Every structure is written in structure tokens, then in C-alpha cells.
Amino acid sequence: MFPKLSINPLRDLVAVGQVVDVPSVLLVHTSVPASTVRELVDYAKANQGKLNFASPGSGSLDRLEMELFRKLEKLDMVHVPYKGGAGPAVAGLMGGETNLMFATAASAMPGIKSGRVKR
């Protein structure tokens, strides 16, 4: 997110302990014609700039996971930030306002159980 830092985080920062371990899920709206991650990547590459992704905000884990995914796969997608945490972002995804997002397993469950998103 910050390509011109005055420090090198990998060199200059030292981890002192793990604070939390939260499983995340990649969620995709049912309108996206992809059933696997490979199919999603292929579809996103064929439709660069046309997909959007939800997150609870710029510094959230969900956003950072998507940015890493986009960077690794060389994908161009539009970020749609939601205020109020993961709940509104997941609701937006379930309602078809956005195409995909990363969410914690707990936040993802309503969409998965309702069948309104694919995982």
C-alpha cells in the first residue's frame, strides 16, 4: 500500500509475537461465472477493471488480503470500501453491489449459509 516508505519493514521491524489467527474466506457473488479460484482469476484477467471488491475499509485485513491477491495474480479491480465493519461489506456482496471480497469465516457464514455467495 505504501511503496515509498522510509523503512524496509522486512529488514527494520521484528515480530515479537502473534496476536491473533483469524481464518479468512474468499467470497464471490453468485453472478460471477467462476466456481474455483483459477476460474475466478481467469475471468478477472479477461475482464480487467470490470470487477469490484468489497472491504470494511482501507487498512482492514480483508482489504490487505485482496490487495495481495490482486498483486500476485496481476488483477485490476475496483475497491469499494464500506463503513461499519465487515457486516455492511458482506451485505453489499450478498445483495450484488460488489463481486467479491475476503472476509473472516465468522463474517462469511450468513452469505454462505444463505447461498447468496460462493466460497
PDB file of N, CA and C in Angstrom:
ATOM      1  N   MET A   1       0.821  -1.202   0.000  1.00  0.00           N
ATOM      2  CA  MET A   1       0.000   0.000   0.000  1.00  0.00           C
ATOM      3  C   MET A   1       0.862   1.261   0.000  1.00  0.00           C
ATOM      4  N   PHE A   2       2.035   1.203   0.597  1.00  0.00           N
ATOM      5  CA  PHE A   2       2.897   2.374   0.696  1.00  0.00           C
ATOM      6  C   PHE A   2       4.245   2.057   0.055  1.00  0.00           C
ATOM      7  N   PRO A   3       4.385   2.264  -1.252  1.00  0.00           N
ATOM      8  CA  PRO A   3       5.601   1.846  -1.947  1.00  0.00           C
ATOM      9  C   PRO A   3       6.845   2.660  -1.601  1.00  0.00           C
ATOM     10  N   LYS A   4       6.700   3.853  -1.007  1.00  0.00           N
ATOM     11  CA  LYS A   4       7.862   4.696  -0.732  1.00  0.00           C
ATOM     12  C   LYS A   4       8.033   4.961   0.767  1.00  0.00           C
ATOM     13  N   LEU A   5       8.116   3.909   1.553  1.00  0.00           N
ATOM     14  CA  LEU A   5       8.355   4.066   2.992  1.00  0.00           C
ATOM     15  C   LEU A   5       9.817   4.396   3.245  1.00  0.00           C
ATOM     16  N   SER A   6      10.078   5.090   4.335  1.00  0.00           N
ATOM     17  CA  SER A   6      11.461   5.412   4.683  1.00  0.00           C
ATOM     18  C   SER A   6      12.156   4.246   5.386  1.00  0.00           C
ATOM     19  N   ILE A   7      11.409   3.178   5.649  1.00  0.00           N
ATOM     20  CA  ILE A   7      11.985   1.982   6.265  1.00  0.00           C
ATOM     21  C   ILE A   7      11.688   0.775   5.391  1.00  0.00           C
ATOM     22  N   ASN A   8      12.412  -0.288   5.629  1.00  0.00           N
ATOM     23  CA  ASN A   8      12.134  -1.572   4.983  1.00  0.00           C
ATOM     24  C   ASN A   8      11.526  -2.462   6.059  1.00  0.00           C
ATOM     25  N   PRO A   9      10.219  -2.682   6.035  1.00  0.00           N
ATOM     26  CA  PRO A   9       9.575  -3.439   7.108  1.00  0.00           C
ATOM     27  C   PRO A   9      10.158  -4.836   7.308  1.00  0.00           C
ATOM     28  N   LEU A  10      10.548  -5.487   6.231  1.00  0.00           N
ATOM     29  CA  LEU A  10      11.113  -6.833   6.367  1.00  0.00           C
ATOM     30  C   LEU A  10      12.475  -6.807   7.057  1.00  0.00           C
ATOM     31  N   ARG A  11      13.209  -5.731   6.885  1.00  0.00           N
ATOM     32  CA  ARG A  11      14.539  -5.612   7.479  1.00  0.00           C
ATOM     33  C   ARG A  11      14.514  -4.884   8.829  1.00  0.00           C
ATOM     34  N   ASP A  12      13.689  -3.846   8.951  1.00  0.00           N
ATOM     35  CA  ASP A  12      13.758  -2.941  10.089  1.00  0.00           C
ATOM     36  C   ASP A  12      12.781  -3.250  11.227  1.00  0.00           C
ATOM     37  N   LEU A  13      11.809  -4.105  10.996  1.00  0.00           N
ATOM     38  CA  LEU A  13      10.842  -4.448  12.037  1.00  0.00           C
ATOM     39  C   LEU A  13      11.005  -5.901  12.443  1.00  0.00           C
ATOM     40  N   VAL A  14      10.801  -6.172  13.715  1.00  0.00           N
ATOM     41  CA  VAL A  14      10.938  -7.530  14.234  1.00  0.00           C
ATOM     42  C   VAL A  14       9.627  -7.935  14.909  1.00  0.00           C
ATOM     43  N   ALA A  15       9.109  -9.100  14.532  1.00  0.00           N
ATOM     44  CA  ALA A  15       7.898  -9.607  15.173  1.00  0.00           C
ATOM     45  C   ALA A  15       8.234 -10.085  16.578  1.00  0.00           C
ATOM     46  N   VAL A  16       7.385  -9.732  17.539  1.00  0.00           N
ATOM     47  CA  VAL A  16       7.622 -10.166  18.911  1.00  0.00           C
ATOM     48  C   VAL A  16       6.623 -11.226  19.355  1.00  0.00           C
ATOM     49  N   GLY A  17       5.558 -11.384  18.629  1.00  0.00           N
ATOM     50  CA  GLY A  17       4.582 -12.413  18.978  1.00  0.00           C
ATOM     51  C   GLY A  17       3.354 -12.317  18.098  1.00  0.00           C
ATOM     52  N   GLN A  18       2.683 -13.424  17.956  1.00  0.00           N
ATOM     53  CA  GLN A  18       1.451 -13.450  17.176  1.00  0.00           C
ATOM     54  C   GLN A  18       0.301 -13.043  18.071  1.00  0.00           C
ATOM     55  N   VAL A  19      -0.486 -12.106  17.632  1.00  0.00           N
ATOM     56  CA  VAL A  19      -1.590 -11.601  18.433  1.00  0.00           C
ATOM     57  C   VAL A  19      -2.855 -12.406  18.178  1.00  0.00           C
ATOM     58  N   VAL A  20      -3.112 -12.752  16.921  1.00  0.00           N
ATOM     59  CA  VAL A  20      -4.363 -13.413  16.580  1.00  0.00           C
ATOM     60  C   VAL A  20      -4.169 -14.245  15.311  1.00  0.00           C
ATOM     61  N   ASP A  21      -4.991 -15.241  15.155  1.00  0.00           N
ATOM     62  CA  ASP A  21      -5.013 -16.056  13.949  1.00  0.00           C
ATOM     63  C   ASP A  21      -6.473 -16.206  13.547  1.00  0.00           C
ATOM     64  N   VAL A  22      -6.865 -15.525  12.465  1.00  0.00           N
ATOM     65  CA  VAL A  22      -8.262 -15.494  12.050  1.00  0.00           C
ATOM     66  C   VAL A  22      -8.366 -16.060  10.634  1.00  0.00           C
ATOM     67  N   PRO A  23      -9.093 -17.163  10.463  1.00  0.00           N
ATOM     68  CA  PRO A  23      -9.249 -17.710   9.109  1.00  0.00           C
ATOM     69  C   PRO A  23     -10.101 -16.798   8.237  1.00  0.00           C
ATOM     70  N   SER A  24      -9.697 -16.672   6.974  1.00  0.00           N
ATOM     71  CA  SER A  24     -10.434 -15.854   6.016  1.00  0.00           C
ATOM     72  C   SER A  24     -10.958 -16.716   4.876  1.00  0.00           C
ATOM     73  N   VAL A  25     -11.995 -16.206   4.239  1.00  0.00           N
ATOM     74  CA  VAL A  25     -12.640 -16.907   3.140  1.00  0.00           C
ATOM     75  C   VAL A  25     -12.755 -15.935   1.964  1.00  0.00           C
ATOM     76  N   LEU A  26     -12.460 -16.427   0.764  1.00  0.00           N
ATOM     77  CA  LEU A  26     -12.690 -15.637  -0.439  1.00  0.00           C
ATOM     78  C   LEU A  26     -14.130 -15.885  -0.876  1.00  0.00           C
ATOM     79  N   LEU A  27     -14.934 -14.834  -0.868  1.00  0.00           N
ATOM     80  CA  LEU A  27     -16.348 -14.930  -1.231  1.00  0.00           C
ATOM     81  C   LEU A  27     -16.573 -14.290  -2.595  1.00  0.00           C
ATOM     82  N   VAL A  28     -17.435 -14.907  -3.395  1.00  0.00           N
ATOM     83  CA  VAL A  28     -17.747 -14.403  -4.729  1.00  0.00           C
ATOM     84  C   VAL A  28     -19.263 -14.401  -4.890  1.00  0.00           C
ATOM     85  N   HIS A  29     -19.795 -13.321  -5.420  1.00  0.00           N
ATOM     86  CA  HIS A  29     -21.235 -13.260  -5.658  1.00  0.00           C
ATOM     87  C   HIS A  29     -21.620 -14.301  -6.698  1.00  0.00           C
ATOM     88  N   THR A  30     -22.827 -14.820  -6.580  1.00  0.00           N
ATOM     89  CA  THR A  30     -23.280 -15.898  -7.465  1.00  0.00           C
ATOM     90  C   THR A  30     -23.378 -15.469  -8.932  1.00  0.00           C
ATOM     91  N   SER A  31     -23.398 -14.177  -9.206  1.00  0.00           N
ATOM     92  CA  SER A  31     -23.468 -13.699 -10.591  1.00  0.00           C
ATOM     93  C   SER A  31     -22.141 -13.831 -11.329  1.00  0.00           C
ATOM     94  N   VAL A  32     -21.064 -14.028 -10.584  1.00  0.00           N
ATOM     95  CA  VAL A  32     -19.741 -14.180 -11.209  1.00  0.00           C
ATOM     96  C   VAL A  32     -19.614 -15.627 -11.685  1.00  0.00           C
ATOM     97  N   PRO A  33     -19.339 -15.833 -12.981  1.00  0.00           N
ATOM     98  CA  PRO A  33     -19.296 -17.189 -13.527  1.00  0.00           C
ATOM     99  C   PRO A  33     -17.971 -17.904 -13.254  1.00  0.00           C
ATOM    100  N   ALA A  34     -17.707 -18.150 -11.991  1.00  0.00           N
ATOM    101  CA  ALA A  34     -16.481 -18.855 -11.593  1.00  0.00           C
ATOM    102  C   ALA A  34     -16.810 -19.723 -10.386  1.00  0.00           C
ATOM    103  N   SER A  35     -16.318 -20.963 -10.414  1.00  0.00           N
ATOM    104  CA  SER A  35     -16.562 -21.886  -9.302  1.00  0.00           C
ATOM    105  C   SER A  35     -15.290 -22.263  -8.555  1.00  0.00           C
ATOM    106  N   THR A  36     -14.135 -21.902  -9.108  1.00  0.00           N
ATOM    107  CA  THR A  36     -12.850 -22.169  -8.460  1.00  0.00           C
ATOM    108  C   THR A  36     -12.033 -20.889  -8.473  1.00  0.00           C
ATOM    109  N   VAL A  37     -10.983 -20.867  -7.688  1.00  0.00           N
ATOM    110  CA  VAL A  37     -10.110 -19.686  -7.669  1.00  0.00           C
ATOM    111  C   VAL A  37      -9.474 -19.505  -9.046  1.00  0.00           C
ATOM    112  N   ARG A  38      -9.056 -20.580  -9.687  1.00  0.00           N
ATOM    113  CA  ARG A  38      -8.442 -20.487 -11.023  1.00  0.00           C
ATOM    114  C   ARG A  38      -9.434 -19.885 -12.013  1.00  0.00           C
ATOM    115  N   GLU A  39     -10.689 -20.338 -11.982  1.00  0.00           N
ATOM    116  CA  GLU A  39     -11.706 -19.783 -12.872  1.00  0.00           C
ATOM    117  C   GLU A  39     -11.939 -18.302 -12.575  1.00  0.00           C
ATOM    118  N   LEU A  40     -11.911 -17.928 -11.300  1.00  0.00           N
ATOM    119  CA  LEU A  40     -12.076 -16.528 -10.921  1.00  0.00           C
ATOM    120  C   LEU A  40     -10.932 -15.686 -11.464  1.00  0.00           C
ATOM    121  N   VAL A  41      -9.709 -16.158 -11.296  1.00  0.00           N
ATOM    122  CA  VAL A  41      -8.542 -15.418 -11.796  1.00  0.00           C
ATOM    123  C   VAL A  41      -8.630 -15.264 -13.312  1.00  0.00           C
ATOM    124  N   ASP A  42      -8.956 -16.337 -14.011  1.00  0.00           N
ATOM    125  CA  ASP A  42      -9.075 -16.272 -15.473  1.00  0.00           C
ATOM    126  C   ASP A  42     -10.161 -15.284 -15.888  1.00  0.00           C
ATOM    127  N   TYR A  43     -11.296 -15.313 -15.198  1.00  0.00           N
ATOM    128  CA  TYR A  43     -12.396 -14.401 -15.506  1.00  0.00           C
ATOM    129  C   TYR A  43     -11.980 -12.952 -15.229  1.00  0.00           C
ATOM    130  N   ALA A  44     -11.327 -12.722 -14.094  1.00  0.00           N
ATOM    131  CA  ALA A  44     -10.886 -11.369 -13.743  1.00  0.00           C
ATOM    132  C   ALA A  44      -9.854 -10.852 -14.740  1.00  0.00           C
ATOM    133  N   LYS A  45      -8.954 -11.714 -15.199  1.00  0.00           N
ATOM    134  CA  LYS A  45      -7.953 -11.293 -16.196  1.00  0.00           C
ATOM    135  C   LYS A  45      -8.608 -10.966 -17.529  1.00  0.00           C
ATOM    136  N   ALA A  46      -9.654 -11.686 -17.886  1.00  0.00           N
ATOM    137  CA  ALA A  46     -10.363 -11.424 -19.134  1.00  0.00           C
ATOM    138  C   ALA A  46     -11.248 -10.180 -19.021  1.00  0.00           C
ATOM    139  N   ASN A  47     -11.501  -9.725 -17.796  1.00  0.00           N
ATOM    140  CA  ASN A  47     -12.370  -8.572 -17.553  1.00  0.00           C
ATOM    141  C   ASN A  47     -11.679  -7.547 -16.660  1.00  0.00           C
ATOM    142  N   GLN A  48     -10.420  -7.230 -16.974  1.00  0.00           N
ATOM    143  CA  GLN A  48      -9.635  -6.301 -16.159  1.00  0.00           C
ATOM    144  C   GLN A  48     -10.388  -4.981 -15.967  1.00  0.00           C
ATOM    145  N   GLY A  49     -10.456  -4.533 -14.716  1.00  0.00           N
ATOM    146  CA  GLY A  49     -11.089  -3.269 -14.380  1.00  0.00           C
ATOM    147  C   GLY A  49     -12.604  -3.306 -14.287  1.00  0.00           C
ATOM    148  N   LYS A  50     -13.221  -4.444 -14.584  1.00  0.00           N
ATOM    149  CA  LYS A  50     -14.681  -4.529 -14.568  1.00  0.00           C
ATOM    150  C   LYS A  50     -15.237  -5.115 -13.275  1.00  0.00           C
ATOM    151  N   LEU A  51     -14.435  -5.879 -12.539  1.00  0.00           N
ATOM    152  CA  LEU A  51     -14.884  -6.447 -11.261  1.00  0.00           C
ATOM    153  C   LEU A  51     -14.576  -5.470 -10.141  1.00  0.00           C
ATOM    154  N   ASN A  52     -15.384  -5.553  -9.069  1.00  0.00           N
ATOM    155  CA  ASN A  52     -15.097  -4.755  -7.887  1.00  0.00           C
ATOM    156  C   ASN A  52     -15.093  -5.661  -6.662  1.00  0.00           C
ATOM    157  N   PHE A  53     -14.439  -5.181  -5.624  1.00  0.00           N
ATOM    158  CA  PHE A  53     -14.370  -5.965  -4.391  1.00  0.00           C
ATOM    159  C   PHE A  53     -14.694  -5.089  -3.195  1.00  0.00           C
ATOM    160  N   ALA A  54     -15.388  -5.692  -2.244  1.00  0.00           N
ATOM    161  CA  ALA A  54     -15.793  -5.002  -1.026  1.00  0.00           C
ATOM    162  C   ALA A  54     -14.743  -5.182   0.063  1.00  0.00           C
ATOM    163  N   SER A  55     -14.699  -4.227   0.976  1.00  0.00           N
ATOM    164  CA  SER A  55     -13.899  -4.371   2.200  1.00  0.00           C
ATOM    165  C   SER A  55     -14.467  -3.436   3.252  1.00  0.00           C
ATOM    166  N   PRO A  56     -14.145  -3.705   4.529  1.00  0.00           N
ATOM    167  CA  PRO A  56     -14.589  -2.800   5.583  1.00  0.00           C
ATOM    168  C   PRO A  56     -13.748  -1.530   5.681  1.00  0.00           C
ATOM    169  N   GLY A  57     -12.815  -1.327   4.763  1.00  0.00           N
ATOM    170  CA  GLY A  57     -12.019  -0.106   4.765  1.00  0.00           C
ATOM    171  C   GLY A  57     -10.583  -0.339   4.347  1.00  0.00           C
ATOM    172  N   SER A  58      -9.878   0.756   4.143  1.00  0.00           N
ATOM    173  CA  SER A  58      -8.542   0.716   3.557  1.00  0.00           C
ATOM    174  C   SER A  58      -7.514  -0.069   4.350  1.00  0.00           C
ATOM    175  N   GLY A  59      -7.493   0.027   5.658  1.00  0.00           N
ATOM    176  CA  GLY A  59      -6.471  -0.660   6.446  1.00  0.00           C
ATOM    177  C   GLY A  59      -6.899  -2.005   6.995  1.00  0.00           C
ATOM    178  N   SER A  60      -8.057  -2.491   6.559  1.00  0.00           N
ATOM    179  CA  SER A  60      -8.583  -3.734   7.113  1.00  0.00           C
ATOM    180  C   SER A  60      -7.839  -4.951   6.569  1.00  0.00           C
ATOM    181  N   LEU A  61      -7.873  -6.028   7.326  1.00  0.00           N
ATOM    182  CA  LEU A  61      -7.255  -7.276   6.892  1.00  0.00           C
ATOM    183  C   LEU A  61      -7.882  -7.748   5.589  1.00  0.00           C
ATOM    184  N   ASP A  62      -9.198  -7.614   5.464  1.00  0.00           N
ATOM    185  CA  ASP A  62      -9.893  -8.036   4.246  1.00  0.00           C
ATOM    186  C   ASP A  62      -9.341  -7.306   3.022  1.00  0.00           C
ATOM    187  N   ARG A  63      -9.117  -6.018   3.151  1.00  0.00           N
ATOM    188  CA  ARG A  63      -8.565  -5.218   2.041  1.00  0.00           C
ATOM    189  C   ARG A  63      -7.136  -5.640   1.732  1.00  0.00           C
ATOM    190  N   LEU A  64      -6.326  -5.819   2.754  1.00  0.00           N
ATOM    191  CA  LEU A  64      -4.930  -6.187   2.534  1.00  0.00           C
ATOM    192  C   LEU A  64      -4.811  -7.563   1.886  1.00  0.00           C
ATOM    193  N   GLU A  65      -5.674  -8.499   2.283  1.00  0.00           N
ATOM    194  CA  GLU A  65      -5.665  -9.820   1.651  1.00  0.00           C
ATOM    195  C   GLU A  65      -6.008  -9.711   0.172  1.00  0.00           C
ATOM    196  N   MET A  66      -6.983  -8.878  -0.158  1.00  0.00           N
ATOM    197  CA  MET A  66      -7.357  -8.715  -1.565  1.00  0.00           C
ATOM    198  C   MET A  66      -6.253  -8.020  -2.349  1.00  0.00           C
ATOM    199  N   GLU A  67      -5.601  -7.053  -1.750  1.00  0.00           N
ATOM    200  CA  GLU A  67      -4.510  -6.360  -2.449  1.00  0.00           C
ATOM    201  C   GLU A  67      -3.360  -7.329  -2.742  1.00  0.00           C
ATOM    202  N   LEU A  68      -3.058  -8.212  -1.799  1.00  0.00           N
ATOM    203  CA  LEU A  68      -2.021  -9.220  -2.040  1.00  0.00           C
ATOM    204  C   LEU A  68      -2.452 -10.161  -3.162  1.00  0.00           C
ATOM    205  N   PHE A  69      -3.686 -10.623  -3.129  1.00  0.00           N
ATOM    206  CA  PHE A  69      -4.231 -11.490  -4.167  1.00  0.00           C
ATOM    207  C   PHE A  69      -4.155 -10.799  -5.530  1.00  0.00           C
ATOM    208  N   ARG A  70      -4.577  -9.534  -5.594  1.00  0.00           N
ATOM    209  CA  ARG A  70      -4.536  -8.780  -6.850  1.00  0.00           C
ATOM    210  C   ARG A  70      -3.107  -8.637  -7.365  1.00  0.00           C
ATOM    211  N   LYS A  71      -2.206  -8.342  -6.459  1.00  0.00           N
ATOM    212  CA  LYS A  71      -0.807  -8.154  -6.865  1.00  0.00           C
ATOM    213  C   LYS A  71      -0.200  -9.457  -7.384  1.00  0.00           C
ATOM    214  N   LEU A  72      -0.420 -10.548  -6.663  1.00  0.00           N
ATOM    215  CA  LEU A  72       0.149 -11.834  -7.074  1.00  0.00           C
ATOM    216  C   LEU A  72      -0.406 -12.300  -8.414  1.00  0.00           C
ATOM    217  N   GLU A  73      -1.687 -12.035  -8.660  1.00  0.00           N
ATOM    218  CA  GLU A  73      -2.333 -12.500  -9.893  1.00  0.00           C
ATOM    219  C   GLU A  73      -2.386 -11.436 -10.991  1.00  0.00           C
ATOM    220  N   LYS A  74      -1.871 -10.228 -10.679  1.00  0.00           N
ATOM    221  CA  LYS A  74      -1.861  -9.118 -11.641  1.00  0.00           C
ATOM    222  C   LYS A  74      -3.277  -8.780 -12.132  1.00  0.00           C
ATOM    223  N   LEU A  75      -4.160  -8.512 -11.166  1.00  0.00           N
ATOM    224  CA  LEU A  75      -5.562  -8.225 -11.456  1.00  0.00           C
ATOM    225  C   LEU A  75      -5.875  -6.760 -11.221  1.00  0.00           C
ATOM    226  N   ASP A  76      -6.677  -6.182 -12.093  1.00  0.00           N
ATOM    227  CA  ASP A  76      -7.153  -4.813 -11.949  1.00  0.00           C
ATOM    228  C   ASP A  76      -8.619  -4.878 -11.547  1.00  0.00           C
ATOM    229  N   MET A  77      -8.918  -4.504 -10.291  1.00  0.00           N
ATOM    230  CA  MET A  77     -10.282  -4.487  -9.784  1.00  0.00           C
ATOM    231  C   MET A  77     -10.499  -3.200  -8.998  1.00  0.00           C
ATOM    232  N   VAL A  78     -11.732  -2.800  -8.858  1.00  0.00           N
ATOM    233  CA  VAL A  78     -12.087  -1.561  -8.166  1.00  0.00           C
ATOM    234  C   VAL A  78     -12.424  -1.868  -6.709  1.00  0.00           C
ATOM    235  N   HIS A  79     -11.825  -1.104  -5.798  1.00  0.00           N
ATOM    236  CA  HIS A  79     -12.091  -1.257  -4.367  1.00  0.00           C
ATOM    237  C   HIS A  79     -13.351  -0.474  -3.993  1.00  0.00           C
ATOM    238  N   VAL A  80     -14.253  -1.135  -3.258  1.00  0.00           N
ATOM    239  CA  VAL A  80     -15.470  -0.495  -2.751  1.00  0.00           C
ATOM    240  C   VAL A  80     -15.435  -0.606  -1.226  1.00  0.00           C
ATOM    241  N   PRO A  81     -15.010   0.464  -0.540  1.00  0.00           N
ATOM    242  CA  PRO A  81     -14.954   0.413   0.926  1.00  0.00           C
ATOM    243  C   PRO A  81     -16.336   0.645   1.544  1.00  0.00           C
ATOM    244  N   TYR A  82     -16.615  -0.099   2.605  1.00  0.00           N
ATOM    245  CA  TYR A  82     -17.867   0.057   3.353  1.00  0.00           C
ATOM    246  C   TYR A  82     -17.551   0.548   4.753  1.00  0.00           C
ATOM    247  N   LYS A  83     -18.384   1.413   5.277  1.00  0.00           N
ATOM    248  CA  LYS A  83     -18.255   1.863   6.662  1.00  0.00           C
ATOM    249  C   LYS A  83     -18.986   0.886   7.566  1.00  0.00           C
ATOM    250  N   GLY A  84     -18.504   0.728   8.794  1.00  0.00           N
ATOM    251  CA  GLY A  84     -19.225  -0.059   9.779  1.00  0.00           C
ATOM    252  C   GLY A  84     -18.776  -1.498   9.921  1.00  0.00           C
ATOM    253  N   GLY A  85     -17.600  -1.840   9.422  1.00  0.00           N
ATOM    254  CA  GLY A  85     -17.077  -3.191   9.609  1.00  0.00           C
ATOM    255  C   GLY A  85     -17.445  -4.126   8.474  1.00  0.00           C
ATOM    256  N   ALA A  86     -17.189  -5.407   8.720  1.00  0.00           N
ATOM    257  CA  ALA A  86     -17.394  -6.416   7.686  1.00  0.00           C
ATOM    258  C   ALA A  86     -18.870  -6.654   7.387  1.00  0.00           C
ATOM    259  N   GLY A  87     -19.753  -6.455   8.361  1.00  0.00           N
ATOM    260  CA  GLY A  87     -21.178  -6.716   8.157  1.00  0.00           C
ATOM    261  C   GLY A  87     -21.758  -6.006   6.945  1.00  0.00           C
ATOM    262  N   PRO A  88     -21.606  -4.679   6.837  1.00  0.00           N
ATOM    263  CA  PRO A  88     -22.125  -3.984   5.661  1.00  0.00           C
ATOM    264  C   PRO A  88     -21.455  -4.416   4.352  1.00  0.00           C
ATOM    265  N   ALA A  89     -20.168  -4.747   4.412  1.00  0.00           N
ATOM    266  CA  ALA A  89     -19.472  -5.196   3.204  1.00  0.00           C
ATOM    267  C   ALA A  89     -20.008  -6.542   2.732  1.00  0.00           C
ATOM    268  N   VAL A  90     -20.226  -7.470   3.660  1.00  0.00           N
ATOM    269  CA  VAL A  90     -20.789  -8.779   3.307  1.00  0.00           C
ATOM    270  C   VAL A  90     -22.218  -8.603   2.804  1.00  0.00           C
ATOM    271  N   ALA A  91     -22.982  -7.730   3.439  1.00  0.00           N
ATOM    272  CA  ALA A  91     -24.357  -7.471   2.983  1.00  0.00           C
ATOM    273  C   ALA A  91     -24.357  -6.906   1.567  1.00  0.00           C
ATOM    274  N   GLY A  92     -23.424  -6.015   1.274  1.00  0.00           N
ATOM    275  CA  GLY A  92     -23.304  -5.471  -0.070  1.00  0.00           C
ATOM    276  C   GLY A  92     -22.968  -6.541  -1.090  1.00  0.00           C
ATOM    277  N   LEU A  93     -22.099  -7.463  -0.704  1.00  0.00           N
ATOM    278  CA  LEU A  93     -21.749  -8.576  -1.592  1.00  0.00           C
ATOM    279  C   LEU A  93     -22.961  -9.481  -1.805  1.00  0.00           C
ATOM    280  N   MET A  94     -23.659  -9.832  -0.733  1.00  0.00           N
ATOM    281  CA  MET A  94     -24.838 -10.695  -0.859  1.00  0.00           C
ATOM    282  C   MET A  94     -25.915 -10.044  -1.717  1.00  0.00           C
ATOM    283  N   GLY A  95     -26.016  -8.725  -1.647  1.00  0.00           N
ATOM    284  CA  GLY A  95     -27.015  -8.006  -2.425  1.00  0.00           C
ATOM    285  C   GLY A  95     -26.608  -7.733  -3.864  1.00  0.00           C
ATOM    286  N   GLY A  96     -25.394  -8.125  -4.241  1.00  0.00           N
ATOM    287  CA  GLY A  96     -24.947  -7.940  -5.614  1.00  0.00           C
ATOM    288  C   GLY A  96     -24.355  -6.580  -5.913  1.00  0.00           C
ATOM    289  N   GLU A  97     -24.113  -5.753  -4.879  1.00  0.00           N
ATOM    290  CA  GLU A  97     -23.479  -4.453  -5.102  1.00  0.00           C
ATOM    291  C   GLU A  97     -22.019  -4.615  -5.508  1.00  0.00           C
ATOM    292  N   THR A  98     -21.379  -5.686  -5.009  1.00  0.00           N
ATOM    293  CA  THR A  98     -19.981  -5.958  -5.325  1.00  0.00           C
ATOM    294  C   THR A  98     -19.849  -7.402  -5.800  1.00  0.00           C
ATOM    295  N   ASN A  99     -18.675  -7.712  -6.354  1.00  0.00           N
ATOM    296  CA  ASN A  99     -18.455  -9.029  -6.951  1.00  0.00           C
ATOM    297  C   ASN A  99     -17.753 -10.022  -6.046  1.00  0.00           C
ATOM    298  N   LEU A 100     -16.837  -9.556  -5.208  1.00  0.00           N
ATOM    299  CA  LEU A 100     -16.085 -10.475  -4.368  1.00  0.00           C
ATOM    300  C   LEU A 100     -15.462  -9.752  -3.200  1.00  0.00           C
ATOM    301  N   MET A 101     -14.968 -10.538  -2.249  1.00  0.00           N
ATOM    302  CA  MET A 101     -14.258  -9.983  -1.098  1.00  0.00           C
ATOM    303  C   MET A 101     -13.632 -11.106  -0.285  1.00  0.00           C
ATOM    304  N   PHE A 102     -12.651 -10.756   0.507  1.00  0.00           N
ATOM    305  CA  PHE A 102     -12.166 -11.641   1.556  1.00  0.00           C
ATOM    306  C   PHE A 102     -12.893 -11.244   2.829  1.00  0.00           C
ATOM    307  N   ALA A 103     -13.275 -12.230   3.635  1.00  0.00           N
ATOM    308  CA  ALA A 103     -13.933 -11.964   4.909  1.00  0.00           C
ATOM    309  C   ALA A 103     -13.520 -13.034   5.904  1.00  0.00           C
ATOM    310  N   THR A 104     -13.614 -12.711   7.176  1.00  0.00           N
ATOM    311  CA  THR A 104     -13.352 -13.728   8.183  1.00  0.00           C
ATOM    312  C   THR A 104     -14.430 -14.791   8.068  1.00  0.00           C
ATOM    313  N   ALA A 105     -14.108 -15.981   8.504  1.00  0.00           N
ATOM    314  CA  ALA A 105     -15.066 -17.090   8.426  1.00  0.00           C
ATOM    315  C   ALA A 105     -16.366 -16.734   9.149  1.00  0.00           C
ATOM    316  N   ALA A 106     -16.267 -16.091  10.292  1.00  0.00           N
ATOM    317  CA  ALA A 106     -17.468 -15.724  11.048  1.00  0.00           C
ATOM    318  C   ALA A 106     -18.332 -14.733  10.269  1.00  0.00           C
ATOM    319  N   SER A 107     -17.716 -13.743   9.631  1.00  0.00           N
ATOM    320  CA  SER A 107     -18.466 -12.762   8.851  1.00  0.00           C
ATOM    321  C   SER A 107     -19.058 -13.366   7.586  1.00  0.00           C
ATOM    322  N   ALA A 108     -18.394 -14.392   7.061  1.00  0.00           N
ATOM    323  CA  ALA A 108     -18.808 -15.005   5.796  1.00  0.00           C
ATOM    324  C   ALA A 108     -19.992 -15.954   5.941  1.00  0.00           C
ATOM    325  N   MET A 109     -20.197 -16.514   7.121  1.00  0.00           N
ATOM    326  CA  MET A 109     -21.193 -17.567   7.305  1.00  0.00           C
ATOM    327  C   MET A 109     -22.613 -17.216   6.866  1.00  0.00           C
ATOM    328  N   PRO A 110     -23.139 -16.014   7.156  1.00  0.00           N
ATOM    329  CA  PRO A 110     -24.510 -15.722   6.704  1.00  0.00           C
ATOM    330  C   PRO A 110     -24.663 -15.825   5.178  1.00  0.00           C
ATOM    331  N   GLY A 111     -23.698 -15.314   4.453  1.00  0.00           N
ATOM    332  CA  GLY A 111     -23.757 -15.386   2.993  1.00  0.00           C
ATOM    333  C   GLY A 111     -23.617 -16.792   2.476  1.00  0.00           C
ATOM    334  N   ILE A 112     -22.734 -17.561   3.092  1.00  0.00           N
ATOM    335  CA  ILE A 112     -22.519 -18.951   2.672  1.00  0.00           C
ATOM    336  C   ILE A 112     -23.769 -19.782   2.956  1.00  0.00           C
ATOM    337  N   LYS A 113     -24.310 -19.654   4.177  1.00  0.00           N
ATOM    338  CA  LYS A 113     -25.493 -20.445   4.556  1.00  0.00           C
ATOM    339  C   LYS A 113     -26.717 -20.089   3.713  1.00  0.00           C
ATOM    340  N   SER A 114     -26.833 -18.835   3.314  1.00  0.00           N
ATOM    341  CA  SER A 114     -27.984 -18.417   2.516  1.00  0.00           C
ATOM    342  C   SER A 114     -27.843 -18.794   1.046  1.00  0.00           C
ATOM    343  N   GLY A 115     -26.629 -19.155   0.626  1.00  0.00           N
ATOM    344  CA  GLY A 115     -26.393 -19.489  -0.774  1.00  0.00           C
ATOM    345  C   GLY A 115     -26.290 -18.278  -1.678  1.00  0.00           C
ATOM    346  N   ARG A 116     -26.173 -17.086  -1.083  1.00  0.00           N
ATOM    347  CA  ARG A 116     -26.108 -15.858  -1.876  1.00  0.00           C
ATOM    348  C   ARG A 116     -24.691 -15.517  -2.320  1.00  0.00           C
ATOM    349  N   VAL A 117     -23.705 -16.246  -1.806  1.00  0.00           N
ATOM    350  CA  VAL A 117     -22.320 -16.099  -2.243  1.00  0.00           C
ATOM    351  C   VAL A 117     -21.693 -17.473  -2.386  1.00  0.00           C
ATOM    352  N   LYS A 118     -20.628 -17.517  -3.176  1.00  0.00           N
ATOM    353  CA  LYS A 118     -19.855 -18.760  -3.335  1.00  0.00           C
ATOM    354  C   LYS A 118     -18.554 -18.577  -2.569  1.00  0.00           C
ATOM    355  N   ARG A 119     -18.017 -19.689  -2.099  1.00  0.00           N
ATOM    356  CA  ARG A 119     -16.732 -19.617  -1.414  1.00  0.00           C
ATOM    357  C   ARG A 119     -15.734 -20.473  -2.137  1.00  0.00           C
TER     358      ARG A 119
END
